[in-house]
Amino acid sequence: MNKLSKLDKKKVIKYLFLAGKIGCIVLYILGLNRGIKKKKWGLFGFIALIHISETFIIGIKTGVENGNDKIKSAICTLLFGFTWWLPIKMGWNK
């Protein structure tokens, strides 16, 4: 039996999604920095566009179906994208 199979899979998934959330914030900060300093808003715009579309396509619906209010669901999806709503949808957040 390898060491990875001994780890609690739920814990591994939790840490992967946490790393993804941190990565989203880092990309937003890098995109803002690049936009402000170099007037190149592509990275920030791309991330914002993806997260805005996710918010209205699946984020709010998933959050509300799982006991969150619309505002929290919208804000969390805008900030973190699928790293927020996918664990909820799959039941991994419990």
PDB file of N, CA and C in Angstrom:
ATOM      1  N   MET A   1       0.842  -1.176   0.000  1.00  0.00           N
ATOM      2  CA  MET A   1       0.000   0.000   0.000  1.00  0.00           C
ATOM      3  C   MET A   1       0.891   1.244   0.000  1.00  0.00           C
ATOM      4  N   ASN A   2       0.677   2.126  -0.946  1.00  0.00           N
ATOM      5  CA  ASN A   2       1.515   3.329  -0.998  1.00  0.00           C
ATOM      6  C   ASN A   2       1.040   4.371   0.004  1.00  0.00           C
ATOM      7  N   LYS A   3       1.897   5.350   0.264  1.00  0.00           N
ATOM      8  CA  LYS A   3       1.597   6.357   1.282  1.00  0.00           C
ATOM      9  C   LYS A   3       0.388   7.210   0.932  1.00  0.00           C
ATOM     10  N   LEU A   4       0.184   7.489  -0.356  1.00  0.00           N
ATOM     11  CA  LEU A   4      -0.943   8.330  -0.758  1.00  0.00           C
ATOM     12  C   LEU A   4      -2.274   7.670  -0.427  1.00  0.00           C
ATOM     13  N   SER A   5      -2.351   6.364  -0.572  1.00  0.00           N
ATOM     14  CA  SER A   5      -3.616   5.686  -0.281  1.00  0.00           C
ATOM     15  C   SER A   5      -3.937   5.687   1.211  1.00  0.00           C
ATOM     16  N   LYS A   6      -2.933   5.907   2.066  1.00  0.00           N
ATOM     17  CA  LYS A   6      -3.165   5.973   3.497  1.00  0.00           C
ATOM     18  C   LYS A   6      -3.753   7.312   3.922  1.00  0.00           C
ATOM     19  N   LEU A   7      -3.517   8.342   3.124  1.00  0.00           N
ATOM     20  CA  LEU A   7      -4.056   9.658   3.465  1.00  0.00           C
ATOM     21  C   LEU A   7      -5.564   9.672   3.291  1.00  0.00           C
ATOM     22  N   ASP A   8      -6.196  10.463   4.088  1.00  0.00           N
ATOM     23  CA  ASP A   8      -7.630  10.645   3.962  1.00  0.00           C
ATOM     24  C   ASP A   8      -7.901  11.395   2.661  1.00  0.00           C
ATOM     25  N   LYS A   9      -8.584  10.764   1.729  1.00  0.00           N
ATOM     26  CA  LYS A   9      -8.825  11.376   0.419  1.00  0.00           C
ATOM     27  C   LYS A   9      -9.583  12.686   0.538  1.00  0.00           C
ATOM     28  N   LYS A  10     -10.497  12.757   1.469  1.00  0.00           N
ATOM     29  CA  LYS A  10     -11.268  13.982   1.665  1.00  0.00           C
ATOM     30  C   LYS A  10     -10.356  15.138   2.066  1.00  0.00           C
ATOM     31  N   LYS A  11      -9.371  14.856   2.889  1.00  0.00           N
ATOM     32  CA  LYS A  11      -8.432  15.880   3.332  1.00  0.00           C
ATOM     33  C   LYS A  11      -7.569  16.363   2.153  1.00  0.00           C
ATOM     34  N   VAL A  12      -7.148  15.439   1.311  1.00  0.00           N
ATOM     35  CA  VAL A  12      -6.347  15.794   0.139  1.00  0.00           C
ATOM     36  C   VAL A  12      -7.150  16.697  -0.791  1.00  0.00           C
ATOM     37  N   ILE A  13      -8.391  16.329  -1.044  1.00  0.00           N
ATOM     38  CA  ILE A  13      -9.254  17.133  -1.910  1.00  0.00           C
ATOM     39  C   ILE A  13      -9.468  18.514  -1.310  1.00  0.00           C
ATOM     40  N   LYS A  14      -9.699  18.574  -0.008  1.00  0.00           N
ATOM     41  CA  LYS A  14      -9.889  19.852   0.671  1.00  0.00           C
ATOM     42  C   LYS A  14      -8.682  20.759   0.473  1.00  0.00           C
ATOM     43  N   TYR A  15      -7.485  20.216   0.621  1.00  0.00           N
ATOM     44  CA  TYR A  15      -6.272  21.033   0.461  1.00  0.00           C
ATOM     45  C   TYR A  15      -6.033  21.438  -0.986  1.00  0.00           C
ATOM     46  N   LEU A  16      -6.400  20.585  -1.926  1.00  0.00           N
ATOM     47  CA  LEU A  16      -6.262  20.951  -3.339  1.00  0.00           C
ATOM     48  C   LEU A  16      -7.167  22.128  -3.690  1.00  0.00           C
ATOM     49  N   PHE A  17      -8.403  22.091  -3.213  1.00  0.00           N
ATOM     50  CA  PHE A  17      -9.314  23.197  -3.487  1.00  0.00           C
ATOM     51  C   PHE A  17      -8.908  24.461  -2.740  1.00  0.00           C
ATOM     52  N   LEU A  18      -8.347  24.319  -1.550  1.00  0.00           N
ATOM     53  CA  LEU A  18      -7.827  25.479  -0.832  1.00  0.00           C
ATOM     54  C   LEU A  18      -6.675  26.111  -1.615  1.00  0.00           C
ATOM     55  N   ALA A  19      -5.801  25.278  -2.157  1.00  0.00           N
ATOM     56  CA  ALA A  19      -4.705  25.790  -2.987  1.00  0.00           C
ATOM     57  C   ALA A  19      -5.253  26.497  -4.228  1.00  0.00           C
ATOM     58  N   GLY A  20      -6.324  25.969  -4.795  1.00  0.00           N
ATOM     59  CA  GLY A  20      -6.953  26.610  -5.946  1.00  0.00           C
ATOM     60  C   GLY A  20      -7.532  27.969  -5.599  1.00  0.00           C
ATOM     61  N   LYS A  21      -8.139  28.080  -4.426  1.00  0.00           N
ATOM     62  CA  LYS A  21      -8.692  29.369  -3.982  1.00  0.00           C
ATOM     63  C   LYS A  21      -7.577  30.391  -3.796  1.00  0.00           C
ATOM     64  N   ILE A  22      -6.491  29.957  -3.186  1.00  0.00           N
ATOM     65  CA  ILE A  22      -5.341  30.852  -3.015  1.00  0.00           C
ATOM     66  C   ILE A  22      -4.790  31.257  -4.373  1.00  0.00           C
ATOM     67  N   GLY A  23      -4.737  30.304  -5.294  1.00  0.00           N
ATOM     68  CA  GLY A  23      -4.268  30.597  -6.655  1.00  0.00           C
ATOM     69  C   GLY A  23      -5.142  31.629  -7.357  1.00  0.00           C
ATOM     70  N   CYS A  24      -6.450  31.558  -7.161  1.00  0.00           N
ATOM     71  CA  CYS A  24      -7.357  32.552  -7.757  1.00  0.00           C
ATOM     72  C   CYS A  24      -7.062  33.946  -7.243  1.00  0.00           C
ATOM     73  N   ILE A  25      -6.878  34.077  -5.938  1.00  0.00           N
ATOM     74  CA  ILE A  25      -6.583  35.388  -5.359  1.00  0.00           C
ATOM     75  C   ILE A  25      -5.244  35.902  -5.877  1.00  0.00           C
ATOM     76  N   VAL A  26      -4.245  35.022  -5.973  1.00  0.00           N
ATOM     77  CA  VAL A  26      -2.933  35.421  -6.493  1.00  0.00           C
ATOM     78  C   VAL A  26      -3.058  35.896  -7.938  1.00  0.00           C
ATOM     79  N   LEU A  27      -3.817  35.196  -8.754  1.00  0.00           N
ATOM     80  CA  LEU A  27      -3.994  35.611 -10.149  1.00  0.00           C
ATOM     81  C   LEU A  27      -4.720  36.948 -10.254  1.00  0.00           C
ATOM     82  N   TYR A  28      -5.726  37.154  -9.421  1.00  0.00           N
ATOM     83  CA  TYR A  28      -6.397  38.454  -9.401  1.00  0.00           C
ATOM     84  C   TYR A  28      -5.405  39.565  -9.045  1.00  0.00           C
ATOM     85  N   ILE A  29      -4.591  39.341  -8.024  1.00  0.00           N
ATOM     86  CA  ILE A  29      -3.618  40.352  -7.606  1.00  0.00           C
ATOM     87  C   ILE A  29      -2.598  40.613  -8.711  1.00  0.00           C
ATOM     88  N   LEU A  30      -2.096  39.555  -9.324  1.00  0.00           N
ATOM     89  CA  LEU A  30      -1.147  39.726 -10.434  1.00  0.00           C
ATOM     90  C   LEU A  30      -1.792  40.467 -11.601  1.00  0.00           C
ATOM     91  N   GLY A  31      -3.035  40.115 -11.896  1.00  0.00           N
ATOM     92  CA  GLY A  31      -3.748  40.790 -12.983  1.00  0.00           C
ATOM     93  C   GLY A  31      -3.976  42.260 -12.690  1.00  0.00           C
ATOM     94  N   LEU A  32      -4.349  42.585 -11.468  1.00  0.00           N
ATOM     95  CA  LEU A  32      -4.524  43.990 -11.084  1.00  0.00           C
ATOM     96  C   LEU A  32      -3.201  44.745 -11.145  1.00  0.00           C
ATOM     97  N   ASN A  33      -2.162  44.126 -10.636  1.00  0.00           N
ATOM     98  CA  ASN A  33      -0.846  44.753 -10.647  1.00  0.00           C
ATOM     99  C   ASN A  33      -0.391  45.048 -12.083  1.00  0.00           C
ATOM    100  N   ARG A  34      -0.548  44.069 -12.928  1.00  0.00           N
ATOM    101  CA  ARG A  34      -0.151  44.231 -14.342  1.00  0.00           C
ATOM    102  C   ARG A  34      -1.013  45.290 -15.030  1.00  0.00           C
ATOM    103  N   GLY A  35      -2.293  45.304 -14.710  1.00  0.00           N
ATOM    104  CA  GLY A  35      -3.190  46.283 -15.314  1.00  0.00           C
ATOM    105  C   GLY A  35      -2.874  47.697 -14.875  1.00  0.00           C
ATOM    106  N   ILE A  36      -2.621  47.874 -13.586  1.00  0.00           N
ATOM    107  CA  ILE A  36      -2.338  49.211 -13.070  1.00  0.00           C
ATOM    108  C   ILE A  36      -0.980  49.710 -13.546  1.00  0.00           C
ATOM    109  N   LYS A  37       0.034  48.860 -13.467  1.00  0.00           N
ATOM    110  CA  LYS A  37       1.395  49.299 -13.808  1.00  0.00           C
ATOM    111  C   LYS A  37       1.662  49.371 -15.306  1.00  0.00           C
ATOM    112  N   LYS A  38       1.172  48.405 -16.053  1.00  0.00           N
ATOM    113  CA  LYS A  38       1.509  48.311 -17.472  1.00  0.00           C
ATOM    114  C   LYS A  38       0.333  48.561 -18.405  1.00  0.00           C
ATOM    115  N   LYS A  39      -0.844  48.831 -17.829  1.00  0.00           N
ATOM    116  CA  LYS A  39      -2.060  49.055 -18.623  1.00  0.00           C
ATOM    117  C   LYS A  39      -2.406  47.846 -19.495  1.00  0.00           C
ATOM    118  N   LYS A  40      -2.085  46.654 -19.000  1.00  0.00           N
ATOM    119  CA  LYS A  40      -2.426  45.408 -19.692  1.00  0.00           C
ATOM    120  C   LYS A  40      -3.382  44.644 -18.791  1.00  0.00           C
ATOM    121  N   TRP A  41      -4.646  44.688 -19.141  1.00  0.00           N
ATOM    122  CA  TRP A  41      -5.694  44.151 -18.301  1.00  0.00           C
ATOM    123  C   TRP A  41      -6.158  42.756 -18.724  1.00  0.00           C
ATOM    124  N   GLY A  42      -5.441  42.100 -19.607  1.00  0.00           N
ATOM    125  CA  GLY A  42      -5.874  40.808 -20.142  1.00  0.00           C
ATOM    126  C   GLY A  42      -6.073  39.731 -19.090  1.00  0.00           C
ATOM    127  N   LEU A  43      -5.097  39.536 -18.214  1.00  0.00           N
ATOM    128  CA  LEU A  43      -5.194  38.487 -17.197  1.00  0.00           C
ATOM    129  C   LEU A  43      -6.356  38.755 -16.247  1.00  0.00           C
ATOM    130  N   PHE A  44      -6.442  39.961 -15.734  1.00  0.00           N
ATOM    131  CA  PHE A  44      -7.526  40.313 -14.822  1.00  0.00           C
ATOM    132  C   PHE A  44      -8.876  40.179 -15.528  1.00  0.00           C
ATOM    133  N   GLY A  45      -8.968  40.690 -16.740  1.00  0.00           N
ATOM    134  CA  GLY A  45     -10.218  40.624 -17.494  1.00  0.00           C
ATOM    135  C   GLY A  45     -10.647  39.198 -17.785  1.00  0.00           C
ATOM    136  N   PHE A  46      -9.683  38.343 -18.128  1.00  0.00           N
ATOM    137  CA  PHE A  46      -9.993  36.947 -18.423  1.00  0.00           C
ATOM    138  C   PHE A  46     -10.543  36.240 -17.192  1.00  0.00           C
ATOM    139  N   ILE A  47      -9.865  36.401 -16.061  1.00  0.00           N
ATOM    140  CA  ILE A  47     -10.311  35.752 -14.825  1.00  0.00           C
ATOM    141  C   ILE A  47     -11.683  36.288 -14.415  1.00  0.00           C
ATOM    142  N   ALA A  48     -11.848  37.592 -14.477  1.00  0.00           N
ATOM    143  CA  ALA A  48     -13.127  38.199 -14.101  1.00  0.00           C
ATOM    144  C   ALA A  48     -14.247  37.706 -15.021  1.00  0.00           C
ATOM    145  N   LEU A  49     -14.002  37.649 -16.313  1.00  0.00           N
ATOM    146  CA  LEU A  49     -15.012  37.193 -17.266  1.00  0.00           C
ATOM    147  C   LEU A  49     -15.421  35.746 -16.999  1.00  0.00           C
ATOM    148  N   ILE A  50     -14.446  34.893 -16.771  1.00  0.00           N
ATOM    149  CA  ILE A  50     -14.739  33.483 -16.480  1.00  0.00           C
ATOM    150  C   ILE A  50     -15.558  33.365 -15.197  1.00  0.00           C
ATOM    151  N   HIS A  51     -15.138  34.090 -14.154  1.00  0.00           N
ATOM    152  CA  HIS A  51     -15.844  33.980 -12.870  1.00  0.00           C
ATOM    153  C   HIS A  51     -17.229  34.623 -12.911  1.00  0.00           C
ATOM    154  N   ILE A  52     -17.388  35.684 -13.655  1.00  0.00           N
ATOM    155  CA  ILE A  52     -18.715  36.292 -13.794  1.00  0.00           C
ATOM    156  C   ILE A  52     -19.664  35.322 -14.493  1.00  0.00           C
ATOM    157  N   SER A  53     -19.187  34.697 -15.561  1.00  0.00           N
ATOM    158  CA  SER A  53     -20.055  33.749 -16.265  1.00  0.00           C
ATOM    159  C   SER A  53     -20.367  32.543 -15.377  1.00  0.00           C
ATOM    160  N   GLU A  54     -19.387  32.036 -14.636  1.00  0.00           N
ATOM    161  CA  GLU A  54     -19.632  30.926 -13.704  1.00  0.00           C
ATOM    162  C   GLU A  54     -20.674  31.296 -12.653  1.00  0.00           C
ATOM    163  N   THR A  55     -20.602  32.527 -12.186  1.00  0.00           N
ATOM    164  CA  THR A  55     -21.516  32.984 -11.141  1.00  0.00           C
ATOM    165  C   THR A  55     -22.961  32.836 -11.586  1.00  0.00           C
ATOM    166  N   PHE A  56     -23.257  33.277 -12.800  1.00  0.00           N
ATOM    167  CA  PHE A  56     -24.639  33.263 -13.266  1.00  0.00           C
ATOM    168  C   PHE A  56     -25.057  31.932 -13.878  1.00  0.00           C
ATOM    169  N   ILE A  57     -24.112  31.154 -14.351  1.00  0.00           N
ATOM    170  CA  ILE A  57     -24.454  29.861 -14.946  1.00  0.00           C
ATOM    171  C   ILE A  57     -24.656  28.792 -13.877  1.00  0.00           C
ATOM    172  N   ILE A  58     -23.766  28.741 -12.886  1.00  0.00           N
ATOM    173  CA  ILE A  58     -23.844  27.625 -11.933  1.00  0.00           C
ATOM    174  C   ILE A  58     -23.609  28.013 -10.480  1.00  0.00           C
ATOM    175  N   GLY A  59     -22.841  29.040 -10.208  1.00  0.00           N
ATOM    176  CA  GLY A  59     -22.440  29.371  -8.840  1.00  0.00           C
ATOM    177  C   GLY A  59     -23.574  29.700  -7.897  1.00  0.00           C
ATOM    178  N   ILE A  60     -24.433  30.633  -8.295  1.00  0.00           N
ATOM    179  CA  ILE A  60     -25.545  31.025  -7.433  1.00  0.00           C
ATOM    180  C   ILE A  60     -26.505  29.855  -7.228  1.00  0.00           C
ATOM    181  N   LYS A  61     -26.837  29.170  -8.304  1.00  0.00           N
ATOM    182  CA  LYS A  61     -27.761  28.037  -8.230  1.00  0.00           C
ATOM    183  C   LYS A  61     -27.231  26.956  -7.292  1.00  0.00           C
ATOM    184  N   THR A  62     -25.970  26.603  -7.426  1.00  0.00           N
ATOM    185  CA  THR A  62     -25.373  25.569  -6.575  1.00  0.00           C
ATOM    186  C   THR A  62     -25.355  25.998  -5.116  1.00  0.00           C
ATOM    187  N   GLY A  63     -24.979  27.247  -4.879  1.00  0.00           N
ATOM    188  CA  GLY A  63     -24.950  27.750  -3.505  1.00  0.00           C
ATOM    189  C   GLY A  63     -26.311  27.732  -2.843  1.00  0.00           C
ATOM    190  N   VAL A  64     -27.312  28.230  -3.548  1.00  0.00           N
ATOM    191  CA  VAL A  64     -28.671  28.291  -2.989  1.00  0.00           C
ATOM    192  C   VAL A  64     -29.215  26.884  -2.747  1.00  0.00           C
ATOM    193  N   GLU A  65     -28.972  25.963  -3.667  1.00  0.00           N
ATOM    194  CA  GLU A  65     -29.447  24.582  -3.504  1.00  0.00           C
ATOM    195  C   GLU A  65     -28.819  23.900  -2.293  1.00  0.00           C
ATOM    196  N   ASN A  66     -27.682  24.418  -1.836  1.00  0.00           N
ATOM    197  CA  ASN A  66     -26.978  23.798  -0.718  1.00  0.00           C
ATOM    198  C   ASN A  66     -26.965  24.669   0.535  1.00  0.00           C
ATOM    199  N   GLY A  67     -27.947  25.572   0.641  1.00  0.00           N
ATOM    200  CA  GLY A  67     -28.164  26.299   1.872  1.00  0.00           C
ATOM    201  C   GLY A  67     -27.447  27.630   2.020  1.00  0.00           C
ATOM    202  N   ASN A  68     -26.786  28.121   0.992  1.00  0.00           N
ATOM    203  CA  ASN A  68     -26.134  29.430   1.053  1.00  0.00           C
ATOM    204  C   ASN A  68     -27.062  30.476   0.440  1.00  0.00           C
ATOM    205  N   ASP A  69     -26.909  31.721   0.860  1.00  0.00           N
ATOM    206  CA  ASP A  69     -27.742  32.753   0.235  1.00  0.00           C
ATOM    207  C   ASP A  69     -27.121  33.199  -1.090  1.00  0.00           C
ATOM    208  N   LYS A  70     -27.911  33.927  -1.869  1.00  0.00           N
ATOM    209  CA  LYS A  70     -27.473  34.332  -3.210  1.00  0.00           C
ATOM    210  C   LYS A  70     -26.254  35.241  -3.184  1.00  0.00           C
ATOM    211  N   ILE A  71     -26.221  36.165  -2.218  1.00  0.00           N
ATOM    212  CA  ILE A  71     -25.102  37.120  -2.152  1.00  0.00           C
ATOM    213  C   ILE A  71     -23.793  36.390  -1.861  1.00  0.00           C
ATOM    214  N   LYS A  72     -23.803  35.512  -0.858  1.00  0.00           N
ATOM    215  CA  LYS A  72     -22.592  34.757  -0.520  1.00  0.00           C
ATOM    216  C   LYS A  72     -22.169  33.904  -1.706  1.00  0.00           C
ATOM    217  N   SER A  73     -23.111  33.248  -2.346  1.00  0.00           N
ATOM    218  CA  SER A  73     -22.802  32.400  -3.490  1.00  0.00           C
ATOM    219  C   SER A  73     -22.181  33.205  -4.620  1.00  0.00           C
ATOM    220  N   ALA A  74     -22.734  34.390  -4.884  1.00  0.00           N
ATOM    221  CA  ALA A  74     -22.211  35.239  -5.954  1.00  0.00           C
ATOM    222  C   ALA A  74     -20.798  35.720  -5.623  1.00  0.00           C
ATOM    223  N   ILE A  75     -20.591  36.214  -4.412  1.00  0.00           N
ATOM    224  CA  ILE A  75     -19.279  36.741  -4.033  1.00  0.00           C
ATOM    225  C   ILE A  75     -18.219  35.649  -4.049  1.00  0.00           C
ATOM    226  N   CYS A  76     -18.540  34.498  -3.484  1.00  0.00           N
ATOM    227  CA  CYS A  76     -17.564  33.409  -3.444  1.00  0.00           C
ATOM    228  C   CYS A  76     -17.226  32.889  -4.841  1.00  0.00           C
ATOM    229  N   THR A  77     -18.225  32.808  -5.709  1.00  0.00           N
ATOM    230  CA  THR A  77     -17.946  32.355  -7.075  1.00  0.00           C
ATOM    231  C   THR A  77     -17.138  33.406  -7.840  1.00  0.00           C
ATOM    232  N   LEU A  78     -17.452  34.677  -7.643  1.00  0.00           N
ATOM    233  CA  LEU A  78     -16.668  35.726  -8.304  1.00  0.00           C
ATOM    234  C   LEU A  78     -15.206  35.689  -7.864  1.00  0.00           C
ATOM    235  N   LEU A  79     -14.976  35.423  -6.607  1.00  0.00           N
ATOM    236  CA  LEU A  79     -13.600  35.393  -6.101  1.00  0.00           C
ATOM    237  C   LEU A  79     -12.873  34.094  -6.427  1.00  0.00           C
ATOM    238  N   PHE A  80     -13.544  32.964  -6.229  1.00  0.00           N
ATOM    239  CA  PHE A  80     -12.858  31.678  -6.274  1.00  0.00           C
ATOM    240  C   PHE A  80     -13.246  30.765  -7.433  1.00  0.00           C
ATOM    241  N   GLY A  81     -14.280  31.101  -8.177  1.00  0.00           N
ATOM    242  CA  GLY A  81     -14.691  30.272  -9.306  1.00  0.00           C
ATOM    243  C   GLY A  81     -15.099  28.871  -8.887  1.00  0.00           C
ATOM    244  N   PHE A  82     -14.737  27.893  -9.713  1.00  0.00           N
ATOM    245  CA  PHE A  82     -15.174  26.523  -9.456  1.00  0.00           C
ATOM    246  C   PHE A  82     -14.561  25.929  -8.195  1.00  0.00           C
ATOM    247  N   THR A  83     -13.482  26.516  -7.694  1.00  0.00           N
ATOM    248  CA  THR A  83     -12.898  25.979  -6.464  1.00  0.00           C
ATOM    249  C   THR A  83     -13.810  26.228  -5.265  1.00  0.00           C
ATOM    250  N   TRP A  84     -14.814  27.084  -5.433  1.00  0.00           N
ATOM    251  CA  TRP A  84     -15.810  27.274  -4.377  1.00  0.00           C
ATOM    252  C   TRP A  84     -17.032  26.393  -4.611  1.00  0.00           C
ATOM    253  N   TRP A  85     -17.610  26.420  -5.815  1.00  0.00           N
ATOM    254  CA  TRP A  85     -18.883  25.726  -6.001  1.00  0.00           C
ATOM    255  C   TRP A  85     -18.757  24.234  -6.274  1.00  0.00           C
ATOM    256  N   LEU A  86     -17.654  23.768  -6.858  1.00  0.00           N
ATOM    257  CA  LEU A  86     -17.547  22.344  -7.182  1.00  0.00           C
ATOM    258  C   LEU A  86     -17.533  21.454  -5.939  1.00  0.00           C
ATOM    259  N   PRO A  87     -16.767  21.789  -4.890  1.00  0.00           N
ATOM    260  CA  PRO A  87     -16.837  20.938  -3.693  1.00  0.00           C
ATOM    261  C   PRO A  87     -18.239  20.899  -3.080  1.00  0.00           C
ATOM    262  N   ILE A  88     -18.960  22.008  -3.169  1.00  0.00           N
ATOM    263  CA  ILE A  88     -20.328  22.037  -2.652  1.00  0.00           C
ATOM    264  C   ILE A  88     -21.219  21.133  -3.491  1.00  0.00           C
ATOM    265  N   LYS A  89     -21.107  21.259  -4.796  1.00  0.00           N
ATOM    266  CA  LYS A  89     -21.941  20.471  -5.708  1.00  0.00           C
ATOM    267  C   LYS A  89     -21.678  18.966  -5.558  1.00  0.00           C
ATOM    268  N   MET A  90     -20.415  18.608  -5.331  1.00  0.00           N
ATOM    269  CA  MET A  90     -20.050  17.196  -5.216  1.00  0.00           C
ATOM    270  C   MET A  90     -20.226  16.654  -3.793  1.00  0.00           C
ATOM    271  N   GLY A  91     -20.575  17.536  -2.853  1.00  0.00           N
ATOM    272  CA  GLY A  91     -20.759  17.104  -1.470  1.00  0.00           C
ATOM    273  C   GLY A  91     -19.455  16.897  -0.713  1.00  0.00           C
ATOM    274  N   TRP A  92     -18.369  17.474  -1.221  1.00  0.00           N
ATOM    275  CA  TRP A  92     -17.046  17.299  -0.593  1.00  0.00           C
ATOM    276  C   TRP A  92     -16.816  18.265   0.553  1.00  0.00           C
ATOM    277  N   ASN A  93     -17.676  19.238   0.726  1.00  0.00           N
ATOM    278  CA  ASN A  93     -17.473  20.246   1.759  1.00  0.00           C
ATOM    279  C   ASN A  93     -18.035  19.810   3.117  1.00  0.00           C
ATOM    280  N   LYS A  94     -18.613  18.666   3.185  1.00  0.00           N
ATOM    281  CA  LYS A  94     -19.253  18.207   4.432  1.00  0.00           C
ATOM    282  C   LYS A  94     -18.305  17.347   5.242  1.00  0.00           C
TER     283      LYS A  94
END
